Amino acid sequence: MIHLIGAGGHAKVVLDALLAGDADPAAIRVRDGRADMRGQAFLGIALDTPELDPGLAGQAVHVAIGAIAVRADLLGRALAIGALPLTVIHPSAQVSRFAQVGDGTFVAALAVVGPSARVGPGVIINHGAIVDHDCVVGDHCHIAPNASLGGGVRIGDRVLIGAGAVILPGVSIGDDAIIGAGAVVTRD
């Protein structure tokens, strides 16, 4: 059984990726903390509440929430109760066999993760984003749609790289930074 935590827009993207990868819809449960959503359909799958409970121990869990702090908190809480973090990679994404992708990470459609790249746990590499060779992406980051990290970029923990942003090769970005959409980052 796969438990998808969250029932917002990002969860729709993750669920779509799971189904595109031939996951059995009957083996997927969508969970959310909003009790008023219990039993509602979420892309054809009934929602359940609460988002976490001790019954998830030993179960595959993916936290599908875009907000970095919330995603990091829920992943930590899921691990604390013994859930198993599931990494989801859309079948049209290109992840080098020489890359390392952390537990609970999501790699969306048309994204690229190059050779010798290292991506931490709980990261989102969104649609069309590029994490080129030798990049290091810290824990719980979000690389937004069509953002591009040149070779050897270093990204700290909990960083948001906005849609369409370009980080030039070799640049380092510290923890908790926010890079605006469309920005071109030329220096540390």
N, C-alpha and C. Protein backbone atom coordinates (compact mmCIF):
# COMPACT_ATOMS: atom_id res chain seq x y z
N MET A 1 0.85 -1.17 0.00
CA MET A 1 0.00 0.00 0.00
C MET A 1 0.90 1.25 0.00
N ILE A 2 0.51 2.23 -0.81
CA ILE A 2 1.19 3.53 -0.86
C ILE A 2 0.25 4.56 -0.25
N HIS A 3 0.78 5.33 0.71
CA HIS A 3 0.01 6.39 1.34
C HIS A 3 0.56 7.72 0.88
N LEU A 4 -0.27 8.49 0.20
CA LEU A 4 0.09 9.81 -0.29
C LEU A 4 -0.46 10.82 0.71
N ILE A 5 0.44 11.59 1.33
CA ILE A 5 0.04 12.54 2.37
C ILE A 5 -0.14 13.91 1.73
N GLY A 6 -1.36 14.43 1.80
CA GLY A 6 -1.69 15.72 1.23
C GLY A 6 -2.71 15.57 0.12
N ALA A 7 -3.58 16.58 0.01
CA ALA A 7 -4.63 16.53 -1.01
C ALA A 7 -4.78 17.89 -1.67
N GLY A 8 -3.65 18.48 -2.04
CA GLY A 8 -3.66 19.76 -2.74
C GLY A 8 -3.15 19.59 -4.15
N GLY A 9 -2.75 20.70 -4.75
CA GLY A 9 -2.28 20.68 -6.13
C GLY A 9 -1.05 19.82 -6.34
N HIS A 10 -0.06 19.93 -5.43
CA HIS A 10 1.15 19.11 -5.61
C HIS A 10 0.82 17.62 -5.50
N ALA A 11 -0.10 17.26 -4.62
CA ALA A 11 -0.49 15.85 -4.50
C ALA A 11 -1.10 15.33 -5.80
N LYS A 12 -1.81 16.18 -6.53
CA LYS A 12 -2.36 15.76 -7.82
C LYS A 12 -1.23 15.39 -8.78
N VAL A 13 -0.16 16.18 -8.77
CA VAL A 13 0.98 15.92 -9.65
C VAL A 13 1.67 14.61 -9.26
N VAL A 14 1.84 14.38 -7.97
CA VAL A 14 2.49 13.15 -7.50
C VAL A 14 1.62 11.93 -7.81
N LEU A 15 0.32 12.04 -7.55
CA LEU A 15 -0.57 10.93 -7.85
C LEU A 15 -0.57 10.62 -9.34
N ASP A 16 -0.58 11.65 -10.16
CA ASP A 16 -0.52 11.45 -11.61
C ASP A 16 0.76 10.71 -12.01
N ALA A 17 1.88 11.06 -11.38
CA ALA A 17 3.15 10.38 -11.67
C ALA A 17 3.09 8.92 -11.25
N LEU A 18 2.51 8.65 -10.09
CA LEU A 18 2.38 7.25 -9.65
C LEU A 18 1.56 6.44 -10.65
N LEU A 19 0.44 7.02 -11.08
CA LEU A 19 -0.43 6.29 -12.02
C LEU A 19 0.22 6.17 -13.39
N ALA A 20 0.99 7.16 -13.80
CA ALA A 20 1.71 7.07 -15.08
C ALA A 20 2.76 5.97 -15.04
N GLY A 21 3.25 5.68 -13.85
CA GLY A 21 4.22 4.61 -13.66
C GLY A 21 3.56 3.26 -13.42
N ASP A 22 2.29 3.17 -13.71
CA ASP A 22 1.53 1.92 -13.62
C ASP A 22 1.27 1.44 -12.20
N ALA A 23 1.27 2.35 -11.21
CA ALA A 23 0.86 1.96 -9.86
C ALA A 23 -0.62 1.59 -9.90
N ASP A 24 -0.99 0.60 -9.14
CA ASP A 24 -2.38 0.16 -9.05
C ASP A 24 -3.16 1.15 -8.20
N PRO A 25 -4.19 1.81 -8.76
CA PRO A 25 -4.96 2.77 -7.97
C PRO A 25 -5.55 2.16 -6.69
N ALA A 26 -5.84 0.87 -6.73
CA ALA A 26 -6.40 0.21 -5.55
C ALA A 26 -5.36 0.09 -4.43
N ALA A 27 -4.10 0.27 -4.76
CA ALA A 27 -3.02 0.16 -3.76
C ALA A 27 -2.55 1.53 -3.28
N ILE A 28 -3.31 2.58 -3.58
CA ILE A 28 -2.93 3.94 -3.19
C ILE A 28 -4.02 4.50 -2.27
N ARG A 29 -3.59 5.10 -1.18
CA ARG A 29 -4.48 5.82 -0.28
C ARG A 29 -4.01 7.27 -0.20
N VAL A 30 -4.94 8.20 -0.34
CA VAL A 30 -4.64 9.62 -0.18
C VAL A 30 -5.13 10.03 1.20
N ARG A 31 -4.24 10.68 1.97
CA ARG A 31 -4.55 11.06 3.34
C ARG A 31 -4.34 12.56 3.52
N ASP A 32 -5.20 13.19 4.30
CA ASP A 32 -5.09 14.61 4.55
C ASP A 32 -5.60 14.90 5.95
N GLY A 33 -5.11 15.97 6.55
CA GLY A 33 -5.51 16.33 7.90
C GLY A 33 -6.84 17.04 8.00
N ARG A 34 -7.42 17.43 6.89
CA ARG A 34 -8.69 18.15 6.91
C ARG A 34 -9.84 17.15 7.00
N ALA A 35 -10.43 17.02 8.17
CA ALA A 35 -11.47 16.02 8.43
C ALA A 35 -12.67 16.19 7.50
N ASP A 36 -12.97 17.42 7.09
CA ASP A 36 -14.13 17.66 6.22
C ASP A 36 -13.95 17.05 4.83
N MET A 37 -12.73 16.64 4.48
CA MET A 37 -12.48 16.05 3.17
C MET A 37 -12.61 14.52 3.17
N ARG A 38 -12.74 13.91 4.34
CA ARG A 38 -12.80 12.46 4.46
C ARG A 38 -13.88 11.89 3.53
N GLY A 39 -13.49 10.90 2.74
CA GLY A 39 -14.42 10.22 1.84
C GLY A 39 -14.62 10.89 0.49
N GLN A 40 -14.16 12.13 0.34
CA GLN A 40 -14.28 12.80 -0.95
C GLN A 40 -13.33 12.14 -1.96
N ALA A 41 -13.66 12.27 -3.22
CA ALA A 41 -12.81 11.71 -4.27
C ALA A 41 -11.67 12.68 -4.58
N PHE A 42 -10.49 12.12 -4.73
CA PHE A 42 -9.31 12.89 -5.10
C PHE A 42 -8.72 12.20 -6.33
N LEU A 43 -8.99 12.77 -7.51
CA LEU A 43 -8.61 12.13 -8.78
C LEU A 43 -9.01 10.66 -8.79
N GLY A 44 -10.21 10.41 -8.29
CA GLY A 44 -10.77 9.05 -8.34
C GLY A 44 -10.43 8.17 -7.16
N ILE A 45 -9.66 8.68 -6.20
CA ILE A 45 -9.29 7.88 -5.03
C ILE A 45 -9.89 8.56 -3.80
N ALA A 46 -10.54 7.78 -2.94
CA ALA A 46 -11.17 8.34 -1.75
C ALA A 46 -10.12 8.85 -0.77
N LEU A 47 -10.42 10.00 -0.18
CA LEU A 47 -9.54 10.59 0.82
C LEU A 47 -9.80 9.99 2.19
N ASP A 48 -8.74 9.89 2.98
CA ASP A 48 -8.86 9.40 4.34
C ASP A 48 -8.18 10.40 5.27
N THR A 49 -8.57 10.39 6.53
CA THR A 49 -7.96 11.22 7.56
C THR A 49 -7.66 10.35 8.76
N PRO A 50 -6.78 10.73 9.66
CA PRO A 50 -5.89 11.88 9.60
C PRO A 50 -4.75 11.62 8.62
N GLU A 51 -3.89 12.64 8.43
CA GLU A 51 -2.79 12.46 7.48
C GLU A 51 -1.77 11.44 7.98
N LEU A 52 -1.58 11.36 9.29
CA LEU A 52 -0.64 10.40 9.88
C LEU A 52 -1.30 9.68 11.04
N ASP A 53 -1.00 8.41 11.19
CA ASP A 53 -1.42 7.67 12.38
C ASP A 53 -0.46 6.49 12.55
N PRO A 54 -0.41 5.90 13.74
CA PRO A 54 0.55 4.82 14.01
C PRO A 54 0.42 3.62 13.07
N GLY A 55 -0.74 3.46 12.44
CA GLY A 55 -0.94 2.36 11.50
C GLY A 55 -0.08 2.47 10.25
N LEU A 56 0.58 3.60 10.05
CA LEU A 56 1.45 3.77 8.88
C LEU A 56 2.84 3.15 9.10
N ALA A 57 3.12 2.67 10.29
CA ALA A 57 4.42 2.02 10.55
C ALA A 57 4.60 0.88 9.56
N GLY A 58 5.75 0.88 8.88
CA GLY A 58 6.05 -0.16 7.90
C GLY A 58 5.40 0.04 6.55
N GLN A 59 4.63 1.11 6.38
CA GLN A 59 3.94 1.39 5.12
C GLN A 59 4.72 2.43 4.30
N ALA A 60 4.61 2.35 2.97
CA ALA A 60 5.23 3.32 2.07
C ALA A 60 4.44 4.62 2.12
N VAL A 61 5.16 5.74 2.36
CA VAL A 61 4.54 7.05 2.50
C VAL A 61 5.30 8.06 1.65
N HIS A 62 4.54 8.88 0.93
CA HIS A 62 5.14 10.02 0.23
C HIS A 62 4.39 11.27 0.66
N VAL A 63 5.12 12.26 1.20
CA VAL A 63 4.52 13.52 1.61
C VAL A 63 4.46 14.43 0.38
N ALA A 64 3.25 14.65 -0.12
CA ALA A 64 3.03 15.38 -1.37
C ALA A 64 2.45 16.75 -1.08
N ILE A 65 3.26 17.57 -0.40
CA ILE A 65 2.85 18.91 -0.02
C ILE A 65 3.94 19.87 -0.48
N GLY A 66 3.55 20.92 -1.18
CA GLY A 66 4.53 21.84 -1.73
C GLY A 66 5.22 22.71 -0.70
N ALA A 67 4.54 23.10 0.37
CA ALA A 67 5.12 23.99 1.39
C ALA A 67 6.28 23.28 2.09
N ILE A 68 7.46 23.89 1.99
CA ILE A 68 8.68 23.24 2.47
C ILE A 68 8.60 22.88 3.95
N ALA A 69 8.24 23.82 4.81
CA ALA A 69 8.23 23.55 6.25
C ALA A 69 7.23 22.47 6.61
N VAL A 70 6.07 22.49 6.00
CA VAL A 70 5.04 21.49 6.28
C VAL A 70 5.51 20.12 5.78
N ARG A 71 6.08 20.08 4.58
CA ARG A 71 6.57 18.81 4.03
C ARG A 71 7.66 18.22 4.93
N ALA A 72 8.61 19.05 5.36
CA ALA A 72 9.70 18.58 6.21
C ALA A 72 9.15 18.05 7.54
N ASP A 73 8.21 18.78 8.14
CA ASP A 73 7.63 18.36 9.42
C ASP A 73 6.90 17.02 9.28
N LEU A 74 6.05 16.91 8.27
CA LEU A 74 5.28 15.68 8.10
C LEU A 74 6.17 14.48 7.77
N LEU A 75 7.20 14.70 6.96
CA LEU A 75 8.11 13.59 6.66
C LEU A 75 8.82 13.14 7.93
N GLY A 76 9.28 14.09 8.74
CA GLY A 76 9.92 13.74 10.01
C GLY A 76 8.99 12.98 10.93
N ARG A 77 7.75 13.42 11.03
CA ARG A 77 6.76 12.74 11.87
C ARG A 77 6.43 11.35 11.33
N ALA A 78 6.35 11.22 10.01
CA ALA A 78 6.08 9.91 9.41
C ALA A 78 7.22 8.93 9.71
N LEU A 79 8.45 9.41 9.59
CA LEU A 79 9.60 8.56 9.90
C LEU A 79 9.61 8.16 11.37
N ALA A 80 9.20 9.08 12.25
CA ALA A 80 9.19 8.81 13.69
C ALA A 80 8.22 7.70 14.06
N ILE A 81 7.14 7.54 13.29
CA ILE A 81 6.21 6.45 13.59
C ILE A 81 6.54 5.17 12.82
N GLY A 82 7.64 5.20 12.07
CA GLY A 82 8.09 3.99 11.39
C GLY A 82 7.61 3.82 9.96
N ALA A 83 7.06 4.90 9.37
CA ALA A 83 6.67 4.83 7.95
C ALA A 83 7.92 4.76 7.08
N LEU A 84 7.77 4.22 5.90
CA LEU A 84 8.88 4.06 4.96
C LEU A 84 8.77 5.12 3.87
N PRO A 85 9.73 6.05 3.76
CA PRO A 85 9.62 7.12 2.77
C PRO A 85 9.74 6.58 1.34
N LEU A 86 8.81 6.97 0.51
CA LEU A 86 8.76 6.53 -0.89
C LEU A 86 9.22 7.66 -1.80
N THR A 87 10.19 7.38 -2.65
CA THR A 87 10.62 8.31 -3.69
C THR A 87 9.77 8.04 -4.92
N VAL A 88 9.26 9.11 -5.53
CA VAL A 88 8.41 8.98 -6.72
C VAL A 88 9.10 9.70 -7.87
N ILE A 89 9.31 8.98 -8.97
CA ILE A 89 9.94 9.54 -10.16
C ILE A 89 9.02 9.29 -11.34
N HIS A 90 8.58 10.37 -11.97
CA HIS A 90 7.70 10.24 -13.14
C HIS A 90 8.44 9.47 -14.23
N PRO A 91 7.75 8.61 -14.97
CA PRO A 91 8.44 7.81 -16.00
C PRO A 91 9.08 8.63 -17.12
N SER A 92 8.66 9.89 -17.31
CA SER A 92 9.29 10.70 -18.36
C SER A 92 10.46 11.53 -17.83
N ALA A 93 10.75 11.46 -16.54
CA ALA A 93 11.92 12.15 -15.99
C ALA A 93 13.18 11.38 -16.38
N GLN A 94 14.29 12.10 -16.45
CA GLN A 94 15.58 11.48 -16.76
C GLN A 94 16.48 11.61 -15.54
N VAL A 95 16.70 10.51 -14.85
CA VAL A 95 17.57 10.51 -13.68
C VAL A 95 18.76 9.61 -14.01
N SER A 96 19.95 10.20 -14.00
CA SER A 96 21.16 9.44 -14.31
C SER A 96 21.33 8.29 -13.33
N ARG A 97 21.79 7.18 -13.83
CA ARG A 97 22.07 6.05 -12.95
C ARG A 97 23.23 6.36 -12.01
N PHE A 98 23.95 7.42 -12.28
CA PHE A 98 25.06 7.84 -11.43
C PHE A 98 24.67 8.93 -10.43
N ALA A 99 23.40 9.30 -10.41
CA ALA A 99 22.89 10.29 -9.47
C ALA A 99 22.40 9.59 -8.20
N GLN A 100 22.35 10.33 -7.12
CA GLN A 100 21.77 9.85 -5.86
C GLN A 100 20.56 10.71 -5.54
N VAL A 101 19.42 10.05 -5.34
CA VAL A 101 18.18 10.76 -5.04
C VAL A 101 17.69 10.29 -3.68
N GLY A 102 17.48 11.24 -2.76
CA GLY A 102 17.12 10.93 -1.39
C GLY A 102 15.72 10.36 -1.22
N ASP A 103 15.53 9.73 -0.08
CA ASP A 103 14.25 9.12 0.28
C ASP A 103 13.14 10.17 0.35
N GLY A 104 11.98 9.82 -0.17
CA GLY A 104 10.83 10.70 -0.10
C GLY A 104 10.85 11.86 -1.07
N THR A 105 11.77 11.81 -2.03
CA THR A 105 11.89 12.88 -3.03
C THR A 105 10.92 12.63 -4.18
N PHE A 106 10.52 13.70 -4.85
CA PHE A 106 9.67 13.62 -6.04
C PHE A 106 10.40 14.25 -7.22
N VAL A 107 10.46 13.53 -8.33
CA VAL A 107 11.02 14.04 -9.58
C VAL A 107 9.89 14.00 -10.61
N ALA A 108 9.47 15.18 -11.06
CA ALA A 108 8.30 15.32 -11.93
C ALA A 108 8.61 15.03 -13.39
N ALA A 109 7.56 15.05 -14.18
CA ALA A 109 7.66 14.81 -15.63
C ALA A 109 8.65 15.78 -16.27
N LEU A 110 9.47 15.25 -17.14
CA LEU A 110 10.43 15.99 -17.96
C LEU A 110 11.57 16.63 -17.17
N ALA A 111 11.69 16.33 -15.89
CA ALA A 111 12.81 16.83 -15.10
C ALA A 111 14.05 15.99 -15.43
N VAL A 112 15.23 16.58 -15.18
CA VAL A 112 16.50 15.91 -15.43
C VAL A 112 17.36 16.02 -14.18
N VAL A 113 17.93 14.89 -13.77
CA VAL A 113 18.92 14.85 -12.70
C VAL A 113 20.17 14.21 -13.31
N GLY A 114 21.24 14.99 -13.41
CA GLY A 114 22.44 14.57 -14.13
C GLY A 114 23.36 13.68 -13.32
N PRO A 115 24.39 13.16 -14.00
CA PRO A 115 25.33 12.26 -13.34
C PRO A 115 26.08 12.95 -12.19
N SER A 116 26.30 12.18 -11.16
CA SER A 116 27.01 12.61 -9.95
C SER A 116 26.27 13.70 -9.18
N ALA A 117 25.02 13.97 -9.52
CA ALA A 117 24.20 14.88 -8.72
C ALA A 117 23.76 14.13 -7.47
N ARG A 118 23.64 14.88 -6.36
CA ARG A 118 23.15 14.32 -5.10
C ARG A 118 21.98 15.17 -4.63
N VAL A 119 20.84 14.52 -4.45
CA VAL A 119 19.61 15.20 -4.06
C VAL A 119 19.20 14.65 -2.70
N GLY A 120 18.97 15.52 -1.74
CA GLY A 120 18.62 15.11 -0.39
C GLY A 120 17.21 14.56 -0.28
N PRO A 121 16.81 14.16 0.93
CA PRO A 121 15.47 13.62 1.15
C PRO A 121 14.40 14.71 1.13
N GLY A 122 13.19 14.30 0.75
CA GLY A 122 12.04 15.19 0.81
C GLY A 122 12.07 16.36 -0.16
N VAL A 123 12.81 16.22 -1.24
CA VAL A 123 12.97 17.30 -2.23
C VAL A 123 11.90 17.17 -3.32
N ILE A 124 11.52 18.30 -3.89
CA ILE A 124 10.68 18.33 -5.09
C ILE A 124 11.54 18.87 -6.23
N ILE A 125 11.67 18.09 -7.29
CA ILE A 125 12.27 18.57 -8.54
C ILE A 125 11.12 18.58 -9.53
N ASN A 126 10.59 19.76 -9.77
CA ASN A 126 9.32 19.89 -10.46
C ASN A 126 9.45 19.79 -11.98
N HIS A 127 8.32 19.91 -12.66
CA HIS A 127 8.24 19.73 -14.12
C HIS A 127 9.33 20.49 -14.87
N GLY A 128 10.08 19.77 -15.68
CA GLY A 128 11.05 20.38 -16.57
C GLY A 128 12.28 20.97 -15.89
N ALA A 129 12.42 20.79 -14.60
CA ALA A 129 13.59 21.34 -13.89
C ALA A 129 14.83 20.52 -14.23
N ILE A 130 15.98 21.19 -14.18
CA ILE A 130 17.26 20.53 -14.47
C ILE A 130 18.18 20.68 -13.26
N VAL A 131 18.65 19.56 -12.78
CA VAL A 131 19.69 19.51 -11.75
C VAL A 131 20.87 18.84 -12.45
N ASP A 132 21.81 19.64 -12.93
CA ASP A 132 22.87 19.14 -13.80
C ASP A 132 23.93 18.36 -13.02
N HIS A 133 24.92 17.92 -13.73
CA HIS A 133 25.98 17.08 -13.17
C HIS A 133 26.63 17.73 -11.95
N ASP A 134 26.98 16.89 -10.99
CA ASP A 134 27.74 17.28 -9.80
C ASP A 134 27.04 18.29 -8.89
N CYS A 135 25.75 18.52 -9.07
CA CYS A 135 25.02 19.40 -8.17
C CYS A 135 24.75 18.69 -6.85
N VAL A 136 24.64 19.47 -5.79
CA VAL A 136 24.22 18.96 -4.49
C VAL A 136 23.02 19.78 -4.05
N VAL A 137 21.89 19.11 -3.83
CA VAL A 137 20.65 19.76 -3.41
C VAL A 137 20.34 19.25 -2.01
N GLY A 138 20.24 20.17 -1.04
CA GLY A 138 20.01 19.80 0.35
C GLY A 138 18.62 19.26 0.61
N ASP A 139 18.35 18.97 1.86
CA ASP A 139 17.10 18.36 2.30
C ASP A 139 15.91 19.32 2.12
N HIS A 140 14.78 18.76 1.72
CA HIS A 140 13.48 19.44 1.68
C HIS A 140 13.45 20.68 0.78
N CYS A 141 14.26 20.72 -0.24
CA CYS A 141 14.24 21.84 -1.18
C CYS A 141 13.11 21.68 -2.18
N HIS A 142 12.82 22.76 -2.90
CA HIS A 142 11.87 22.72 -4.00
C HIS A 142 12.52 23.43 -5.18
N ILE A 143 12.78 22.65 -6.24
CA ILE A 143 13.29 23.19 -7.49
C ILE A 143 12.06 23.30 -8.39
N ALA A 144 11.55 24.51 -8.58
CA ALA A 144 10.26 24.74 -9.23
C ALA A 144 10.33 24.46 -10.74
N PRO A 145 9.16 24.44 -11.41
CA PRO A 145 9.12 24.11 -12.83
C PRO A 145 10.09 24.95 -13.66
N ASN A 146 10.79 24.25 -14.53
CA ASN A 146 11.71 24.84 -15.50
C ASN A 146 12.88 25.60 -14.90
N ALA A 147 13.15 25.42 -13.62
CA ALA A 147 14.36 26.00 -13.03
C ALA A 147 15.55 25.16 -13.49
N SER A 148 16.71 25.78 -13.54
CA SER A 148 17.90 25.09 -14.06
C SER A 148 19.09 25.36 -13.16
N LEU A 149 19.68 24.27 -12.65
CA LEU A 149 20.90 24.36 -11.86
C LEU A 149 22.04 23.89 -12.75
N GLY A 150 23.00 24.79 -13.04
CA GLY A 150 24.16 24.42 -13.84
C GLY A 150 25.04 23.45 -13.08
N GLY A 151 26.01 22.88 -13.75
CA GLY A 151 26.89 21.89 -13.14
C GLY A 151 27.57 22.40 -11.88
N GLY A 152 27.66 21.55 -10.88
CA GLY A 152 28.39 21.85 -9.67
C GLY A 152 27.74 22.84 -8.72
N VAL A 153 26.47 23.14 -8.91
CA VAL A 153 25.75 24.05 -8.01
C VAL A 153 25.55 23.35 -6.66
N ARG A 154 25.64 24.12 -5.59
CA ARG A 154 25.41 23.63 -4.23
C ARG A 154 24.24 24.40 -3.63
N ILE A 155 23.22 23.66 -3.21
CA ILE A 155 22.01 24.25 -2.63
C ILE A 155 21.89 23.73 -1.20
N GLY A 156 21.69 24.62 -0.23
CA GLY A 156 21.51 24.22 1.16
C GLY A 156 20.17 23.56 1.40
N ASP A 157 19.80 23.43 2.65
CA ASP A 157 18.53 22.81 3.04
C ASP A 157 17.38 23.81 2.97
N ARG A 158 16.19 23.30 2.66
CA ARG A 158 14.94 24.07 2.68
C ARG A 158 14.96 25.29 1.76
N VAL A 159 15.58 25.15 0.62
CA VAL A 159 15.70 26.26 -0.35
C VAL A 159 14.60 26.12 -1.41
N LEU A 160 14.03 27.25 -1.78
CA LEU A 160 13.08 27.31 -2.89
C LEU A 160 13.77 28.01 -4.05
N ILE A 161 13.87 27.31 -5.18
CA ILE A 161 14.36 27.89 -6.43
C ILE A 161 13.13 28.12 -7.29
N GLY A 162 12.76 29.37 -7.55
CA GLY A 162 11.53 29.71 -8.24
C GLY A 162 11.48 29.24 -9.68
N ALA A 163 10.28 29.21 -10.22
CA ALA A 163 10.04 28.75 -11.59
C ALA A 163 10.89 29.52 -12.58
N GLY A 164 11.56 28.79 -13.44
CA GLY A 164 12.35 29.39 -14.51
C GLY A 164 13.65 30.04 -14.07
N ALA A 165 13.99 29.94 -12.80
CA ALA A 165 15.25 30.54 -12.33
C ALA A 165 16.43 29.74 -12.89
N VAL A 166 17.54 30.43 -13.06
CA VAL A 166 18.77 29.81 -13.56
C VAL A 166 19.87 30.07 -12.54
N ILE A 167 20.50 29.01 -12.08
CA ILE A 167 21.64 29.12 -11.17
C ILE A 167 22.87 28.71 -11.97
N LEU A 168 23.79 29.65 -12.16
CA LEU A 168 24.97 29.39 -12.99
C LEU A 168 25.88 28.35 -12.36
N PRO A 169 26.67 27.65 -13.18
CA PRO A 169 27.53 26.59 -12.68
C PRO A 169 28.44 27.04 -11.53
N GLY A 170 28.56 26.17 -10.54
CA GLY A 170 29.47 26.38 -9.44
C GLY A 170 28.98 27.30 -8.34
N VAL A 171 27.81 27.88 -8.47
CA VAL A 171 27.28 28.80 -7.47
C VAL A 171 26.76 28.02 -6.26
N SER A 172 26.92 28.60 -5.07
CA SER A 172 26.39 28.00 -3.83
C SER A 172 25.30 28.90 -3.27
N ILE A 173 24.24 28.27 -2.76
CA ILE A 173 23.12 28.98 -2.14
C ILE A 173 22.90 28.37 -0.76
N GLY A 174 22.84 29.22 0.27
CA GLY A 174 22.73 28.75 1.64
C GLY A 174 21.34 28.29 2.03
N ASP A 175 21.25 27.72 3.23
CA ASP A 175 20.00 27.21 3.79
C ASP A 175 18.91 28.28 3.80
N ASP A 176 17.68 27.83 3.59
CA ASP A 176 16.47 28.65 3.75
C ASP A 176 16.35 29.82 2.79
N ALA A 177 17.13 29.83 1.73
CA ALA A 177 17.06 30.91 0.74
C ALA A 177 15.84 30.73 -0.16
N ILE A 178 15.37 31.83 -0.69
CA ILE A 178 14.31 31.83 -1.70
C ILE A 178 14.86 32.58 -2.90
N ILE A 179 14.89 31.89 -4.04
CA ILE A 179 15.32 32.50 -5.30
C ILE A 179 14.06 32.74 -6.12
N GLY A 180 13.81 33.96 -6.51
CA GLY A 180 12.59 34.32 -7.21
C GLY A 180 12.47 33.71 -8.59
N ALA A 181 11.25 33.60 -9.05
CA ALA A 181 10.96 33.08 -10.37
C ALA A 181 11.68 33.92 -11.42
N GLY A 182 12.32 33.24 -12.37
CA GLY A 182 12.98 33.93 -13.47
C GLY A 182 14.32 34.55 -13.13
N ALA A 183 14.77 34.44 -11.90
CA ALA A 183 16.05 35.03 -11.50
C ALA A 183 17.21 34.33 -12.19
N VAL A 184 18.31 35.05 -12.36
CA VAL A 184 19.57 34.47 -12.82
C VAL A 184 20.57 34.73 -11.71
N VAL A 185 21.04 33.66 -11.09
CA VAL A 185 21.97 33.78 -9.97
C VAL A 185 23.37 33.55 -10.49
N THR A 186 24.19 34.59 -10.39
CA THR A 186 25.54 34.55 -10.98
C THR A 186 26.65 34.37 -9.96
N ARG A 187 26.30 34.53 -8.66
CA ARG A 187 27.33 34.40 -7.62
C ARG A 187 26.70 33.82 -6.36
N ASP A 188 27.56 33.36 -5.44
CA ASP A 188 27.09 32.75 -4.19
C ASP A 188 26.20 33.71 -3.43
